[in-house]
Every structure is written in structure tokens, then in C-alpha cells.
PDB file of N, CA and C in Angstrom:
ATOM      1  N   MET A   1     122.411 -15.530 -57.341  1.00  0.00           N
ATOM      2  CA  MET A   1     121.237 -16.332 -57.123  1.00  0.00           C
ATOM      3  C   MET A   1     120.908 -16.286 -55.626  1.00  0.00           C
ATOM      4  N   PRO A   2     119.820 -15.664 -55.211  1.00  0.00           N
ATOM      5  CA  PRO A   2     119.498 -15.539 -53.793  1.00  0.00           C
ATOM      6  C   PRO A   2     119.042 -16.874 -53.205  1.00  0.00           C
ATOM      7  N   THR A   3     119.378 -17.057 -51.947  1.00  0.00           N
ATOM      8  CA  THR A   3     118.964 -18.256 -51.229  1.00  0.00           C
ATOM      9  C   THR A   3     117.731 -17.936 -50.404  1.00  0.00           C
ATOM     10  N   THR A   4     116.703 -18.735 -50.578  1.00  0.00           N
ATOM     11  CA  THR A   4     115.469 -18.511 -49.829  1.00  0.00           C
ATOM     12  C   THR A   4     115.533 -19.237 -48.495  1.00  0.00           C
ATOM     13  N   PRO A   5     114.771 -18.769 -47.508  1.00  0.00           N
ATOM     14  CA  PRO A   5     114.759 -19.458 -46.210  1.00  0.00           C
ATOM     15  C   PRO A   5     114.303 -20.910 -46.320  1.00  0.00           C
ATOM     16  N   SER A   6     113.365 -21.185 -47.215  1.00  0.00           N
ATOM     17  CA  SER A   6     112.899 -22.568 -47.342  1.00  0.00           C
ATOM     18  C   SER A   6     113.989 -23.462 -47.935  1.00  0.00           C
ATOM     19  N   ALA A   7     114.796 -22.931 -48.853  1.00  0.00           N
ATOM     20  CA  ALA A   7     115.892 -23.720 -49.411  1.00  0.00           C
ATOM     21  C   ALA A   7     116.947 -23.990 -48.349  1.00  0.00           C
ATOM     22  N   ALA A   8     117.242 -23.000 -47.536  1.00  0.00           N
ATOM     23  CA  ALA A   8     118.214 -23.191 -46.455  1.00  0.00           C
ATOM     24  C   ALA A   8     117.694 -24.196 -45.437  1.00  0.00           C
ATOM     25  N   ALA A   9     116.416 -24.114 -45.105  1.00  0.00           N
ATOM     26  CA  ALA A   9     115.831 -25.074 -44.162  1.00  0.00           C
ATOM     27  C   ALA A   9     115.882 -26.487 -44.731  1.00  0.00           C
ATOM     28  N   GLY A  10     115.654 -26.603 -46.017  1.00  0.00           N
ATOM     29  CA  GLY A  10     115.753 -27.920 -46.657  1.00  0.00           C
ATOM     30  C   GLY A  10     117.162 -28.477 -46.601  1.00  0.00           C
ATOM     31  N   ALA A  11     118.152 -27.612 -46.779  1.00  0.00           N
ATOM     32  CA  ALA A  11     119.539 -28.058 -46.704  1.00  0.00           C
ATOM     33  C   ALA A  11     119.884 -28.517 -45.295  1.00  0.00           C
ATOM     34  N   TYR A  12     119.460 -27.755 -44.297  1.00  0.00           N
ATOM     35  CA  TYR A  12     119.724 -28.151 -42.914  1.00  0.00           C
ATOM     36  C   TYR A  12     119.019 -29.458 -42.572  1.00  0.00           C
ATOM     37  N   THR A  13     117.815 -29.650 -43.063  1.00  0.00           N
ATOM     38  CA  THR A  13     117.081 -30.892 -42.828  1.00  0.00           C
ATOM     39  C   THR A  13     117.796 -32.067 -43.475  1.00  0.00           C
ATOM     40  N   SER A  14     118.303 -31.852 -44.673  1.00  0.00           N
ATOM     41  CA  SER A  14     119.040 -32.906 -45.365  1.00  0.00           C
ATOM     42  C   SER A  14     120.286 -33.312 -44.588  1.00  0.00           C
ATOM     43  N   ILE A  15     121.006 -32.345 -44.085  1.00  0.00           N
ATOM     44  CA  ILE A  15     122.206 -32.633 -43.308  1.00  0.00           C
ATOM     45  C   ILE A  15     121.841 -33.356 -42.015  1.00  0.00           C
ATOM     46  N   ALA A  16     120.782 -32.946 -41.360  1.00  0.00           N
ATOM     47  CA  ALA A  16     120.347 -33.602 -40.131  1.00  0.00           C
ATOM     48  C   ALA A  16     119.948 -35.052 -40.397  1.00  0.00           C
ATOM     49  N   ASN A  17     119.295 -35.311 -41.516  1.00  0.00           N
ATOM     50  CA  ASN A  17     118.918 -36.679 -41.864  1.00  0.00           C
ATOM     51  C   ASN A  17     120.138 -37.548 -42.103  1.00  0.00           C
ATOM     52  N   ILE A  18     121.143 -37.013 -42.745  1.00  0.00           N
ATOM     53  CA  ILE A  18     122.369 -37.769 -42.983  1.00  0.00           C
ATOM     54  C   ILE A  18     123.038 -38.117 -41.662  1.00  0.00           C
ATOM     55  N   ALA A  19     123.112 -37.159 -40.760  1.00  0.00           N
ATOM     56  CA  ALA A  19     123.720 -37.407 -39.449  1.00  0.00           C
ATOM     57  C   ALA A  19     122.932 -38.465 -38.683  1.00  0.00           C
ATOM     58  N   ASP A  20     121.603 -38.406 -38.732  1.00  0.00           N
ATOM     59  CA  ASP A  20     120.781 -39.404 -38.042  1.00  0.00           C
ATOM     60  C   ASP A  20     120.997 -40.792 -38.627  1.00  0.00           C
ATOM     61  N   ASN A  21     121.086 -40.889 -39.941  1.00  0.00           N
ATOM     62  CA  ASN A  21     121.327 -42.187 -40.575  1.00  0.00           C
ATOM     63  C   ASN A  21     122.663 -42.772 -40.153  1.00  0.00           C
ATOM     64  N   MET A  22     123.689 -41.926 -40.070  1.00  0.00           N
ATOM     65  CA  MET A  22     125.002 -42.412 -39.654  1.00  0.00           C
ATOM     66  C   MET A  22     124.973 -42.853 -38.188  1.00  0.00           C
ATOM     67  N   ARG A  23     124.277 -42.096 -37.330  1.00  0.00           N
ATOM     68  CA  ARG A  23     124.162 -42.486 -35.923  1.00  0.00           C
ATOM     69  C   ARG A  23     123.402 -43.800 -35.787  1.00  0.00           C
ATOM     70  N   ASN A  24     122.327 -43.982 -36.532  1.00  0.00           N
ATOM     71  CA  ASN A  24     121.543 -45.216 -36.470  1.00  0.00           C
ATOM     72  C   ASN A  24     122.368 -46.412 -36.926  1.00  0.00           C
ATOM     73  N   GLU A  25     123.149 -46.225 -37.982  1.00  0.00           N
ATOM     74  CA  GLU A  25     123.999 -47.307 -38.481  1.00  0.00           C
ATOM     75  C   GLU A  25     125.053 -47.678 -37.442  1.00  0.00           C
ATOM     76  N   ALA A  26     125.655 -46.676 -36.820  1.00  0.00           N
ATOM     77  CA  ALA A  26     126.664 -46.940 -35.796  1.00  0.00           C
ATOM     78  C   ALA A  26     126.035 -47.640 -34.601  1.00  0.00           C
ATOM     79  N   GLY A  27     124.839 -47.250 -34.203  1.00  0.00           N
ATOM     80  CA  GLY A  27     124.150 -47.891 -33.089  1.00  0.00           C
ATOM     81  C   GLY A  27     123.765 -49.316 -33.398  1.00  0.00           C
ATOM     82  N   ARG A  28     123.351 -49.558 -34.625  1.00  0.00           N
ATOM     83  CA  ARG A  28     122.969 -50.906 -35.034  1.00  0.00           C
ATOM     84  C   ARG A  28     124.166 -51.834 -34.986  1.00  0.00           C
ATOM     85  N   VAL A  29     125.313 -51.366 -35.457  1.00  0.00           N
ATOM     86  CA  VAL A  29     126.524 -52.174 -35.437  1.00  0.00           C
ATOM     87  C   VAL A  29     126.999 -52.380 -34.002  1.00  0.00           C
ATOM     88  N   ALA A  30     126.908 -51.336 -33.176  1.00  0.00           N
ATOM     89  CA  ALA A  30     127.351 -51.432 -31.784  1.00  0.00           C
ATOM     90  C   ALA A  30     126.463 -52.380 -30.979  1.00  0.00           C
ATOM     91  N   ASP A  31     125.174 -52.444 -31.277  1.00  0.00           N
ATOM     92  CA  ASP A  31     124.263 -53.317 -30.557  1.00  0.00           C
ATOM     93  C   ASP A  31     124.436 -54.779 -30.940  1.00  0.00           C
ATOM     94  N   GLY A  32     125.140 -55.035 -32.014  1.00  0.00           N
ATOM     95  CA  GLY A  32     125.336 -56.415 -32.449  1.00  0.00           C
ATOM     96  C   GLY A  32     124.142 -56.960 -33.198  1.00  0.00           C
ATOM     97  N   ALA A  33     123.221 -56.105 -33.590  1.00  0.00           N
ATOM     98  CA  ALA A  33     122.045 -56.555 -34.320  1.00  0.00           C
ATOM     99  C   ALA A  33     122.442 -57.117 -35.682  1.00  0.00           C
ATOM    100  N   ASP A  34     123.513 -56.636 -36.209  1.00  0.00           N
ATOM    101  CA  ASP A  34     124.014 -57.090 -37.490  1.00  0.00           C
ATOM    102  C   ASP A  34     125.409 -57.642 -37.261  1.00  0.00           C
ATOM    103  N   LYS A  35     125.655 -58.852 -37.680  1.00  0.00           N
ATOM    104  CA  LYS A  35     126.954 -59.487 -37.455  1.00  0.00           C
ATOM    105  C   LYS A  35     127.947 -59.074 -38.547  1.00  0.00           C
ATOM    106  N   THR A  36     128.336 -57.826 -38.501  1.00  0.00           N
ATOM    107  CA  THR A  36     129.326 -57.333 -39.443  1.00  0.00           C
ATOM    108  C   THR A  36     130.669 -57.246 -38.750  1.00  0.00           C
ATOM    109  N   SER A  37     131.707 -57.399 -39.512  1.00  0.00           N
ATOM    110  CA  SER A  37     133.049 -57.308 -38.945  1.00  0.00           C
ATOM    111  C   SER A  37     133.504 -55.852 -38.949  1.00  0.00           C
ATOM    112  N   PHE A  38     134.550 -55.600 -38.203  1.00  0.00           N
ATOM    113  CA  PHE A  38     135.096 -54.251 -38.151  1.00  0.00           C
ATOM    114  C   PHE A  38     135.584 -53.825 -39.529  1.00  0.00           C
ATOM    115  N   GLY A  39     136.129 -54.759 -40.274  1.00  0.00           N
ATOM    116  CA  GLY A  39     136.578 -54.458 -41.631  1.00  0.00           C
ATOM    117  C   GLY A  39     135.443 -54.006 -42.528  1.00  0.00           C
ATOM    118  N   ASP A  40     134.267 -54.614 -42.346  1.00  0.00           N
ATOM    119  CA  ASP A  40     133.094 -54.202 -43.130  1.00  0.00           C
ATOM    120  C   ASP A  40     132.674 -52.776 -42.793  1.00  0.00           C
ATOM    121  N   VAL A  41     132.758 -52.432 -41.501  1.00  0.00           N
ATOM    122  CA  VAL A  41     132.394 -51.079 -41.080  1.00  0.00           C
ATOM    123  C   VAL A  41     133.378 -50.065 -41.672  1.00  0.00           C
ATOM    124  N   VAL A  42     134.672 -50.380 -41.599  1.00  0.00           N
ATOM    125  CA  VAL A  42     135.686 -49.483 -42.157  1.00  0.00           C
ATOM    126  C   VAL A  42     135.502 -49.343 -43.664  1.00  0.00           C
ATOM    127  N   ASP A  43     135.218 -50.447 -44.325  1.00  0.00           N
ATOM    128  CA  ASP A  43     134.993 -50.406 -45.771  1.00  0.00           C
ATOM    129  C   ASP A  43     133.780 -49.541 -46.115  1.00  0.00           C
ATOM    130  N   ALA A  44     132.719 -49.656 -45.317  1.00  0.00           N
ATOM    131  CA  ALA A  44     131.525 -48.842 -45.559  1.00  0.00           C
ATOM    132  C   ALA A  44     131.811 -47.362 -45.359  1.00  0.00           C
ATOM    133  N   VAL A  45     132.583 -47.031 -44.324  1.00  0.00           N
ATOM    134  CA  VAL A  45     132.917 -45.628 -44.069  1.00  0.00           C
ATOM    135  C   VAL A  45     133.784 -45.079 -45.198  1.00  0.00           C
ATOM    136  N   LEU A  46     134.765 -45.856 -45.641  1.00  0.00           N
ATOM    137  CA  LEU A  46     135.631 -45.395 -46.732  1.00  0.00           C
ATOM    138  C   LEU A  46     134.853 -45.203 -48.031  1.00  0.00           C
ATOM    139  N   SER A  47     133.939 -46.120 -48.324  1.00  0.00           N
ATOM    140  CA  SER A  47     133.153 -45.956 -49.550  1.00  0.00           C
ATOM    141  C   SER A  47     132.211 -44.761 -49.437  1.00  0.00           C
ATOM    142  N   ASN A  48     131.696 -44.493 -48.229  1.00  0.00           N
ATOM    143  CA  ASN A  48     130.842 -43.332 -48.013  1.00  0.00           C
ATOM    144  C   ASN A  48     131.611 -42.041 -48.249  1.00  0.00           C
ATOM    145  N   VAL A  49     132.846 -41.990 -47.770  1.00  0.00           N
ATOM    146  CA  VAL A  49     133.682 -40.800 -47.979  1.00  0.00           C
ATOM    147  C   VAL A  49     133.966 -40.610 -49.464  1.00  0.00           C
ATOM    148  N   ALA A  50     134.290 -41.702 -50.147  1.00  0.00           N
ATOM    149  CA  ALA A  50     134.586 -41.607 -51.576  1.00  0.00           C
ATOM    150  C   ALA A  50     133.364 -41.161 -52.379  1.00  0.00           C
ATOM    151  N   GLU A  51     132.198 -41.713 -52.040  1.00  0.00           N
ATOM    152  CA  GLU A  51     130.972 -41.333 -52.743  1.00  0.00           C
ATOM    153  C   GLU A  51     130.608 -39.873 -52.478  1.00  0.00           C
ATOM    154  N   SER A  52     130.777 -39.434 -51.240  1.00  0.00           N
ATOM    155  CA  SER A  52     130.477 -38.042 -50.905  1.00  0.00           C
ATOM    156  C   SER A  52     131.409 -37.089 -51.643  1.00  0.00           C
ATOM    157  N   GLY A  53     132.682 -37.459 -51.708  1.00  0.00           N
ATOM    158  CA  GLY A  53     133.646 -36.622 -52.430  1.00  0.00           C
ATOM    159  C   GLY A  53     133.321 -36.521 -53.903  1.00  0.00           C
ATOM    160  N   ALA A  54     132.949 -37.646 -54.499  1.00  0.00           N
ATOM    161  CA  ALA A  54     132.590 -37.641 -55.921  1.00  0.00           C
ATOM    162  C   ALA A  54     131.332 -36.806 -56.171  1.00  0.00           C
ATOM    163  N   ALA A  55     130.355 -36.922 -55.270  1.00  0.00           N
ATOM    164  CA  ALA A  55     129.126 -36.139 -55.423  1.00  0.00           C
ATOM    165  C   ALA A  55     129.406 -34.650 -55.288  1.00  0.00           C
ATOM    166  N   THR A  56     130.292 -34.292 -54.368  1.00  0.00           N
ATOM    167  CA  THR A  56     130.636 -32.883 -54.179  1.00  0.00           C
ATOM    168  C   THR A  56     131.353 -32.331 -55.399  1.00  0.00           C
ATOM    169  N   GLU A  57     132.277 -33.117 -55.950  1.00  0.00           N
ATOM    170  CA  GLU A  57     132.972 -32.674 -57.166  1.00  0.00           C
ATOM    171  C   GLU A  57     131.991 -32.475 -58.309  1.00  0.00           C
ATOM    172  N   SER A  58     131.037 -33.388 -58.428  1.00  0.00           N
ATOM    173  CA  SER A  58     130.031 -33.283 -59.488  1.00  0.00           C
ATOM    174  C   SER A  58     129.180 -32.019 -59.313  1.00  0.00           C
ATOM    175  N   LYS A  59     128.791 -31.752 -58.062  1.00  0.00           N
ATOM    176  CA  LYS A  59     127.994 -30.542 -57.794  1.00  0.00           C
ATOM    177  C   LYS A  59     128.809 -29.278 -58.065  1.00  0.00           C
ATOM    178  N   ALA A  60     130.095 -29.302 -57.742  1.00  0.00           N
ATOM    179  CA  ALA A  60     130.946 -28.133 -57.997  1.00  0.00           C
ATOM    180  C   ALA A  60     131.068 -27.870 -59.501  1.00  0.00           C
ATOM    181  N   ILE A  61     131.200 -28.927 -60.273  1.00  0.00           N
ATOM    182  CA  ILE A  61     131.275 -28.774 -61.738  1.00  0.00           C
ATOM    183  C   ILE A  61     129.940 -28.249 -62.269  1.00  0.00           C
ATOM    184  N   ASP A  62     128.837 -28.814 -61.753  1.00  0.00           N
ATOM    185  CA  ASP A  62     127.517 -28.335 -62.170  1.00  0.00           C
ATOM    186  C   ASP A  62     127.310 -26.872 -61.787  1.00  0.00           C
ATOM    187  N   MET A  63     127.814 -26.484 -60.625  1.00  0.00           N
ATOM    188  CA  MET A  63     127.700 -25.092 -60.181  1.00  0.00           C
ATOM    189  C   MET A  63     128.488 -24.169 -61.105  1.00  0.00           C
ATOM    190  N   ALA A  64     129.684 -24.612 -61.502  1.00  0.00           N
ATOM    191  CA  ALA A  64     130.501 -23.804 -62.404  1.00  0.00           C
ATOM    192  C   ALA A  64     129.824 -23.644 -63.764  1.00  0.00           C
ATOM    193  N   ASN A  65     129.077 -24.659 -64.172  1.00  0.00           N
ATOM    194  CA  ASN A  65     128.371 -24.602 -65.450  1.00  0.00           C
ATOM    195  C   ASN A  65     126.987 -23.968 -65.336  1.00  0.00           C
ATOM    196  N   GLY A  66     126.600 -23.575 -64.123  1.00  0.00           N
ATOM    197  CA  GLY A  66     125.300 -22.942 -63.919  1.00  0.00           C
ATOM    198  C   GLY A  66     124.136 -23.902 -63.934  1.00  0.00           C
ATOM    199  N   LYS A  67     124.383 -25.181 -63.663  1.00  0.00           N
ATOM    200  CA  LYS A  67     123.325 -26.182 -63.733  1.00  0.00           C
ATOM    201  C   LYS A  67     122.723 -26.538 -62.375  1.00  0.00           C
ATOM    202  N   THR A  68     123.281 -26.021 -61.303  1.00  0.00           N
ATOM    203  CA  THR A  68     122.766 -26.358 -59.975  1.00  0.00           C
ATOM    204  C   THR A  68     122.729 -25.121 -59.087  1.00  0.00           C
ATOM    205  N   ASP A  69     122.076 -25.251 -57.967  1.00  0.00           N
ATOM    206  CA  ASP A  69     121.889 -24.149 -57.029  1.00  0.00           C
ATOM    207  C   ASP A  69     123.013 -24.160 -55.998  1.00  0.00           C
ATOM    208  N   VAL A  70     123.257 -23.036 -55.381  1.00  0.00           N
ATOM    209  CA  VAL A  70     124.288 -22.905 -54.350  1.00  0.00           C
ATOM    210  C   VAL A  70     123.961 -23.799 -53.162  1.00  0.00           C
ATOM    211  N   VAL A  71     122.688 -23.918 -52.826  1.00  0.00           N
ATOM    212  CA  VAL A  71     122.283 -24.726 -51.682  1.00  0.00           C
ATOM    213  C   VAL A  71     122.653 -26.194 -51.899  1.00  0.00           C
ATOM    214  N   ASP A  72     122.501 -26.680 -53.128  1.00  0.00           N
ATOM    215  CA  ASP A  72     122.879 -28.065 -53.424  1.00  0.00           C
ATOM    216  C   ASP A  72     124.372 -28.273 -53.227  1.00  0.00           C
ATOM    217  N   LEU A  73     125.163 -27.316 -53.649  1.00  0.00           N
ATOM    218  CA  LEU A  73     126.609 -27.419 -53.476  1.00  0.00           C
ATOM    219  C   LEU A  73     126.990 -27.377 -51.996  1.00  0.00           C
ATOM    220  N   VAL A  74     126.378 -26.475 -51.248  1.00  0.00           N
ATOM    221  CA  VAL A  74     126.671 -26.370 -49.814  1.00  0.00           C
ATOM    222  C   VAL A  74     126.267 -27.660 -49.102  1.00  0.00           C
ATOM    223  N   THR A  75     125.137 -28.235 -49.467  1.00  0.00           N
ATOM    224  CA  THR A  75     124.698 -29.496 -48.871  1.00  0.00           C
ATOM    225  C   THR A  75     125.688 -30.619 -49.180  1.00  0.00           C
ATOM    226  N   ALA A  76     126.149 -30.686 -50.422  1.00  0.00           N
ATOM    227  CA  ALA A  76     127.118 -31.721 -50.801  1.00  0.00           C
ATOM    228  C   ALA A  76     128.427 -31.546 -50.043  1.00  0.00           C
ATOM    229  N   VAL A  77     128.877 -30.318 -49.878  1.00  0.00           N
ATOM    230  CA  VAL A  77     130.106 -30.066 -49.121  1.00  0.00           C
ATOM    231  C   VAL A  77     129.922 -30.466 -47.661  1.00  0.00           C
ATOM    232  N   ALA A  78     128.769 -30.167 -47.086  1.00  0.00           N
ATOM    233  CA  ALA A  78     128.497 -30.533 -45.693  1.00  0.00           C
ATOM    234  C   ALA A  78     128.449 -32.050 -45.519  1.00  0.00           C
ATOM    235  N   GLU A  79     127.868 -32.751 -46.486  1.00  0.00           N
ATOM    236  CA  GLU A  79     127.832 -34.213 -46.432  1.00  0.00           C
ATOM    237  C   GLU A  79     129.244 -34.787 -46.459  1.00  0.00           C
ATOM    238  N   THR A  80     130.080 -34.249 -47.321  1.00  0.00           N
ATOM    239  CA  THR A  80     131.456 -34.718 -47.416  1.00  0.00           C
ATOM    240  C   THR A  80     132.220 -34.408 -46.136  1.00  0.00           C
ATOM    241  N   GLU A  81     131.992 -33.230 -45.588  1.00  0.00           N
ATOM    242  CA  GLU A  81     132.659 -32.867 -44.340  1.00  0.00           C
ATOM    243  C   GLU A  81     132.266 -33.823 -43.218  1.00  0.00           C
ATOM    244  N   LEU A  82     130.999 -34.171 -43.137  1.00  0.00           N
ATOM    245  CA  LEU A  82     130.524 -35.104 -42.120  1.00  0.00           C
ATOM    246  C   LEU A  82     131.147 -36.488 -42.307  1.00  0.00           C
ATOM    247  N   ALA A  83     131.245 -36.930 -43.548  1.00  0.00           N
ATOM    248  CA  ALA A  83     131.853 -38.232 -43.821  1.00  0.00           C
ATOM    249  C   ALA A  83     133.327 -38.246 -43.443  1.00  0.00           C
ATOM    250  N   VAL A  84     134.049 -37.175 -43.750  1.00  0.00           N
ATOM    251  CA  VAL A  84     135.470 -37.104 -43.410  1.00  0.00           C
ATOM    252  C   VAL A  84     135.653 -37.034 -41.892  1.00  0.00           C
ATOM    253  N   GLU A  85     134.808 -36.283 -41.210  1.00  0.00           N
ATOM    254  CA  GLU A  85     134.887 -36.217 -39.745  1.00  0.00           C
ATOM    255  C   GLU A  85     134.635 -37.588 -39.126  1.00  0.00           C
ATOM    256  N   THR A  86     133.698 -38.335 -39.673  1.00  0.00           N
ATOM    257  CA  THR A  86     133.431 -39.686 -39.186  1.00  0.00           C
ATOM    258  C   THR A  86     134.646 -40.578 -39.390  1.00  0.00           C
ATOM    259  N   LEU A  87     135.248 -40.482 -40.567  1.00  0.00           N
ATOM    260  CA  LEU A  87     136.436 -41.274 -40.865  1.00  0.00           C
ATOM    261  C   LEU A  87     137.578 -40.942 -39.912  1.00  0.00           C
ATOM    262  N   VAL A  88     137.795 -39.681 -39.653  1.00  0.00           N
ATOM    263  CA  VAL A  88     138.871 -39.259 -38.746  1.00  0.00           C
ATOM    264  C   VAL A  88     138.588 -39.742 -37.326  1.00  0.00           C
ATOM    265  N   THR A  89     137.334 -39.690 -36.893  1.00  0.00           N
ATOM    266  CA  THR A  89     136.976 -40.163 -35.561  1.00  0.00           C
ATOM    267  C   THR A  89     137.238 -41.653 -35.425  1.00  0.00           C
ATOM    268  N   VAL A  90     136.862 -42.429 -36.427  1.00  0.00           N
ATOM    269  CA  VAL A  90     137.110 -43.869 -36.393  1.00  0.00           C
ATOM    270  C   VAL A  90     138.602 -44.134 -36.358  1.00  0.00           C
ATOM    271  N   ARG A  91     139.362 -43.425 -37.160  1.00  0.00           N
ATOM    272  CA  ARG A  91     140.812 -43.598 -37.171  1.00  0.00           C
ATOM    273  C   ARG A  91     141.414 -43.296 -35.807  1.00  0.00           C
ATOM    274  N   ASP A  92     140.987 -42.209 -35.196  1.00  0.00           N
ATOM    275  CA  ASP A  92     141.514 -41.828 -33.887  1.00  0.00           C
ATOM    276  C   ASP A  92     141.180 -42.866 -32.826  1.00  0.00           C
ATOM    277  N   ARG A  93     139.977 -43.408 -32.880  1.00  0.00           N
ATOM    278  CA  ARG A  93     139.577 -44.426 -31.900  1.00  0.00           C
ATOM    279  C   ARG A  93     140.366 -45.718 -32.095  1.00  0.00           C
ATOM    280  N   VAL A  94     140.614 -46.093 -33.332  1.00  0.00           N
ATOM    281  CA  VAL A  94     141.402 -47.304 -33.598  1.00  0.00           C
ATOM    282  C   VAL A  94     142.818 -47.124 -33.082  1.00  0.00           C
ATOM    283  N   ILE A  95     143.422 -45.993 -33.333  1.00  0.00           N
ATOM    284  CA  ILE A  95     144.783 -45.733 -32.852  1.00  0.00           C
ATOM    285  C   ILE A  95     144.817 -45.724 -31.331  1.00  0.00           C
ATOM    286  N   SER A  96     143.830 -45.127 -30.706  1.00  0.00           N
ATOM    287  CA  SER A  96     143.763 -45.097 -29.245  1.00  0.00           C
ATOM    288  C   SER A  96     143.630 -46.509 -28.671  1.00  0.00           C
ATOM    289  N   ALA A  97     142.773 -47.322 -29.265  1.00  0.00           N
ATOM    290  CA  ALA A  97     142.602 -48.697 -28.797  1.00  0.00           C
ATOM    291  C   ALA A  97     143.884 -49.499 -28.981  1.00  0.00           C
ATOM    292  N   TYR A  98     144.557 -49.313 -30.083  1.00  0.00           N
ATOM    293  CA  TYR A  98     145.822 -50.011 -30.336  1.00  0.00           C
ATOM    294  C   TYR A  98     146.867 -49.605 -29.304  1.00  0.00           C
ATOM    295  N   GLN A  99     146.941 -48.321 -28.991  1.00  0.00           N
ATOM    296  CA  GLN A  99     147.905 -47.861 -27.993  1.00  0.00           C
ATOM    297  C   GLN A  99     147.580 -48.426 -26.612  1.00  0.00           C
ATOM    298  N   GLU A 100     146.299 -48.538 -26.278  1.00  0.00           N
ATOM    299  CA  GLU A 100     145.922 -49.133 -24.994  1.00  0.00           C
ATOM    300  C   GLU A 100     146.321 -50.600 -24.933  1.00  0.00           C
ATOM    301  N   ILE A 101     146.158 -51.305 -26.039  1.00  0.00           N
ATOM    302  CA  ILE A 101     146.540 -52.712 -26.080  1.00  0.00           C
ATOM    303  C   ILE A 101     148.057 -52.840 -25.898  1.00  0.00           C
ATOM    304  N   LEU A 102     148.815 -51.956 -26.540  1.00  0.00           N
ATOM    305  CA  LEU A 102     150.269 -52.001 -26.386  1.00  0.00           C
ATOM    306  C   LEU A 102     150.713 -51.724 -24.965  1.00  0.00           C
ATOM    307  N   ASN A 103     149.970 -50.911 -24.227  1.00  0.00           N
ATOM    308  CA  ASN A 103     150.340 -50.550 -22.867  1.00  0.00           C
ATOM    309  C   ASN A 103     149.852 -51.532 -21.815  1.00  0.00           C
ATOM    310  N   MET A 104     149.110 -52.569 -22.227  1.00  0.00           N
ATOM    311  CA  MET A 104     148.611 -53.557 -21.266  1.00  0.00           C
ATOM    312  C   MET A 104     149.769 -54.429 -20.773  1.00  0.00           C
ATOM    313  N   PRO A 105     149.771 -54.706 -19.474  1.00  0.00           N
ATOM    314  CA  PRO A 105     150.811 -55.613 -18.967  1.00  0.00           C
ATOM    315  C   PRO A 105     150.528 -57.047 -19.405  1.00  0.00           C
ATOM    316  N   ILE A 106     151.583 -57.764 -19.653  1.00  0.00           N
ATOM    317  CA  ILE A 106     151.433 -59.160 -20.109  1.00  0.00           C
ATOM    318  C   ILE A 106     151.567 -60.101 -18.926  1.00  0.00           C
TER     319      ILE A 106
END
């Protein structure tokens, strides 16, 4: 099944929109515009990763059955990759902050 330039451009646009939405959400939480706790942010990131993984699995099954396009599968994989990278970044920052707190003089 050949991939057309317009389909590829649509996939890249979709990925860019997802990244922008995640950046806007992070900025909104950082600005304090929404009084959410850190636990709520972590819960939202974890649910986003789980939803992305489930969507990717569904697209992979549909691809195996010939019900979806390659571009849809690639987009779903990219969304999941972005969600996992976000989760890993948050984890790394939390560990770094915890280590800094441990190293503070009392």
C-alpha cells in the first residue's frame, strides 16, 4: 500500500498537534492557572501512556487484518513514543529533585 505525500503530511501534522497539546498542558500546570496537584499530573501522564499503548495495539491488530493504513499505525506508534518519552522525562526530573533534596544541608 503506497504512502502518499498528503497522508505523510497529515501524520506529521497530527504528531505536531499532540506535542503542542502536551506542551500547552504542561505550561498551564506550571503557570498555576489550574490548581492541580502533582499526583493529578502524574495520574494524567500515566493514563495518557496507557491510552496511547492501547490505541497502538488496536491499530496494529487492524493493520494485521488489513483494516487500517500504514500511516495510521505509524501515527499511533509515534503518539505512544511521545507519551513514553514524556513519562520518562517526568520520572527523571522527580528523581533528580529528590536527590537534590537529600543533598541539602539541614
